[in-house]
Amino acid sequence: MSNKINIIDSEIVNKNIEKGNVLLGTTNDEYDPNFMTIGWGFTGTIWSGPVFIALVRPSRYSFKNLEKNPHFTINILNEKKNSRILEICGSKSFYSVNKIKKYNIDYNLTKNKIPFHPESIISFECKVIYKQLLEKSNFCTETKNKWYPKNDIHWQFYGKIVNRLL
């Protein structure tokens, strides 16, 4: 497959992000796979190429993984068929439980040993090409108060789409 993500794929990804039907796949130092349900991010074109921008809080285990390994996957799941997986990956942290092992969540690995879900509608691998902390001082008061009352501000990980997996 190529690294191209077409306009229809982009629309599907962005609509499913809003619904929380997306898994971010990462791996730790021992190559233990991890999935985290995400609801913030988007596809687009930056620096003449397709990218996915994932927003991840520093408190999440996936953040730690992204800091050490620049590769990640984005996996769009069918909400009705995979609601259990989306719920587990959105409510359980690898800090407390290896959710893939405990709940027997299927996965395949990319050549970079990053997990992707084999039942994804769309799945692609990204490589971080830029990261940035959202600046607290740049938020309007309403947004800051609503989304960051505990000051756990997201980082943006700009991932160049390097491979369309499914």
Protein backbone atom coordinates (compact mmCIF):
# COMPACT_ATOMS: atom_id res chain seq x y z
CA MET A 1 0.00 0.00 0.00
CA SER A 2 1.05 3.58 -0.40
CA ASN A 3 1.26 6.40 2.08
CA LYS A 4 -1.53 8.26 0.31
CA ILE A 5 -4.69 8.97 2.20
CA ASN A 6 -7.45 10.20 -0.08
CA ILE A 7 -10.15 12.74 0.68
CA ILE A 8 -12.74 10.04 1.41
CA ASP A 9 -10.40 8.30 3.87
CA SER A 10 -9.66 11.64 5.50
CA GLU A 11 -13.37 12.34 5.95
CA ILE A 12 -13.94 8.87 7.44
CA VAL A 13 -11.03 9.32 9.85
CA ASN A 14 -12.13 12.77 10.96
CA LYS A 15 -15.78 11.73 11.44
CA ASN A 16 -14.74 8.71 13.51
CA ILE A 17 -12.39 10.80 15.65
CA GLU A 18 -15.44 12.85 16.70
CA LYS A 19 -17.23 9.63 17.70
CA GLY A 20 -14.25 8.17 19.59
CA ASN A 21 -13.95 5.17 17.24
CA VAL A 22 -10.20 5.49 16.77
CA LEU A 23 -7.34 3.60 18.37
CA LEU A 24 -3.83 5.02 18.59
CA GLY A 25 -1.34 2.15 18.51
CA THR A 26 2.08 2.48 20.17
CA THR A 27 4.71 0.24 21.71
CA ASN A 28 6.93 0.47 24.76
CA ASP A 29 10.65 -0.32 25.18
CA GLU A 30 9.98 -4.07 25.36
CA TYR A 31 7.77 -3.89 22.25
CA ASP A 32 4.63 -4.55 24.26
CA PRO A 33 1.78 -3.28 22.09
CA ASN A 34 -0.64 -0.68 23.44
CA PHE A 35 -3.86 0.82 22.11
CA MET A 36 -5.50 3.99 23.38
CA THR A 37 -8.91 5.23 22.25
CA ILE A 38 -8.64 8.81 21.04
CA GLY A 39 -11.22 11.46 20.29
CA TRP A 40 -8.97 14.35 19.35
CA GLY A 41 -6.89 14.54 16.18
CA PHE A 42 -7.26 15.01 12.44
CA THR A 43 -5.80 14.24 9.03
CA GLY A 44 -4.55 16.82 6.61
CA THR A 45 -1.70 17.98 4.45
CA ILE A 46 1.30 19.76 5.94
CA TRP A 47 4.77 20.19 4.45
CA SER A 48 3.54 18.74 1.14
CA GLY A 49 2.47 15.44 2.61
CA PRO A 50 -0.32 13.58 4.38
CA VAL A 51 -0.23 13.78 8.18
CA PHE A 52 -2.25 12.79 11.18
CA ILE A 53 -2.08 15.06 14.20
CA ALA A 54 -2.72 13.22 17.44
CA LEU A 55 -3.31 15.06 20.71
CA VAL A 56 -1.99 13.13 23.70
CA ARG A 57 -1.77 14.21 27.33
CA PRO A 58 1.56 13.67 29.14
CA SER A 59 -0.24 11.61 31.79
CA ARG A 60 -1.09 8.88 29.26
CA TYR A 61 1.08 5.80 28.82
CA SER A 62 0.95 6.36 25.04
CA PHE A 63 2.70 9.71 25.54
CA LYS A 64 5.64 7.92 27.16
CA ASN A 65 5.73 5.51 24.22
CA LEU A 66 5.63 8.31 21.62
CA GLU A 67 8.51 10.06 23.36
CA LYS A 68 10.68 6.95 22.89
CA ASN A 69 9.44 5.59 19.56
CA PRO A 70 8.32 7.98 16.81
CA HIS A 71 6.06 5.44 15.06
CA PHE A 72 2.35 5.02 15.77
CA THR A 73 -0.75 3.69 14.06
CA ILE A 74 -4.22 5.13 13.62
CA ASN A 75 -6.98 2.53 13.49
CA ILE A 76 -10.61 3.32 12.62
CA LEU A 77 -12.94 0.74 14.13
CA ASN A 78 -16.57 -0.11 13.47
CA GLU A 79 -18.32 1.29 16.54
CA LYS A 80 -21.03 -1.40 16.74
CA LYS A 81 -18.72 -4.35 16.19
CA ASN A 82 -15.84 -3.07 18.35
CA SER A 83 -17.53 -1.07 21.12
CA ARG A 84 -16.01 -3.33 23.81
CA ILE A 85 -12.47 -2.73 22.52
CA LEU A 86 -13.03 1.02 22.25
CA GLU A 87 -14.39 1.10 25.81
CA ILE A 88 -11.49 -0.92 27.26
CA CYS A 89 -8.82 1.06 25.42
CA GLY A 90 -10.44 4.33 26.47
CA SER A 91 -10.84 3.48 30.15
CA LYS A 92 -7.88 1.25 31.06
CA SER A 93 -4.28 2.42 31.26
CA PHE A 94 -1.22 0.31 30.52
CA TYR A 95 0.19 1.82 33.72
CA SER A 96 -2.18 -0.48 35.62
CA VAL A 97 -2.95 -3.34 33.22
CA ASN A 98 -1.73 -4.74 29.89
CA LYS A 99 -5.17 -4.41 28.33
CA ILE A 100 -4.22 -6.23 25.13
CA LYS A 101 -3.20 -9.35 27.05
CA LYS A 102 -5.84 -9.19 29.76
CA TYR A 103 -8.75 -8.61 27.37
CA ASN A 104 -7.32 -10.65 24.47
CA ILE A 105 -7.41 -7.76 21.96
CA ASP A 106 -6.27 -8.81 18.48
CA TYR A 107 -3.47 -6.99 16.72
CA ASN A 108 -0.92 -7.30 13.96
CA LEU A 109 2.44 -5.55 13.84
CA THR A 110 3.94 -3.21 11.28
CA LYS A 111 7.56 -3.70 10.16
CA ASN A 112 8.42 -1.19 12.92
CA LYS A 113 6.68 -3.44 15.50
CA ILE A 114 3.79 -1.04 16.04
CA PRO A 115 0.38 -2.64 16.65
CA PHE A 116 -2.55 -2.15 14.33
CA HIS A 117 -6.00 -3.65 14.68
CA PRO A 118 -6.76 -6.27 11.98
CA GLU A 119 -10.48 -5.42 11.92
CA SER A 120 -9.94 -1.72 11.23
CA ILE A 121 -11.95 -0.03 8.52
CA ILE A 122 -8.86 2.10 7.84
CA SER A 123 -5.45 1.74 9.43
CA PHE A 124 -2.26 3.60 8.71
CA GLU A 125 1.20 3.99 10.19
CA CYS A 126 2.70 7.36 10.99
CA LYS A 127 6.11 8.66 11.96
CA VAL A 128 6.36 11.69 14.22
CA ILE A 129 7.93 14.56 12.29
CA TYR A 130 7.07 17.32 14.75
CA LYS A 131 5.70 17.63 18.28
CA GLN A 132 4.55 20.60 20.25
CA LEU A 133 2.99 21.35 23.62
CA LEU A 134 -0.18 23.38 23.36
CA GLU A 135 0.54 26.68 25.09
CA LYS A 136 -1.73 27.41 28.05
CA SER A 137 -1.42 31.15 27.48
CA ASN A 138 -2.78 30.83 23.94
CA PHE A 139 -6.15 29.34 24.94
CA CYS A 140 -9.25 31.42 25.28
CA THR A 141 -10.51 31.29 28.87
CA GLU A 142 -13.56 29.18 28.02
CA THR A 143 -11.51 26.43 26.32
CA LYS A 144 -8.84 26.43 28.99
CA ASN A 145 -11.40 26.17 31.80
CA LYS A 146 -13.48 23.49 30.07
CA TRP A 147 -10.74 21.16 28.83
CA TYR A 148 -7.75 21.85 31.08
CA PRO A 149 -8.95 22.51 34.65
CA LYS A 150 -6.18 20.25 35.97
CA ASN A 151 -3.54 21.76 33.68
CA ASP A 152 -2.91 18.38 31.94
CA ILE A 153 -2.39 20.05 28.58
CA HIS A 154 -2.07 18.02 25.39
CA TRP A 155 0.94 17.69 23.17
CA GLN A 156 0.40 17.55 19.42
CA PHE A 157 2.22 14.76 17.59
CA TYR A 158 2.39 15.41 13.85
CA GLY A 159 2.73 12.02 12.20
CA LYS A 160 3.66 11.76 8.56
CA ILE A 161 1.53 8.97 7.08
CA VAL A 162 4.14 6.51 5.87
CA ASN A 163 2.05 3.43 5.15
CA ARG A 164 -1.60 2.61 4.56
CA LEU A 165 -2.07 -0.76 6.28
CA LEU A 166 -5.78 -1.42 5.69
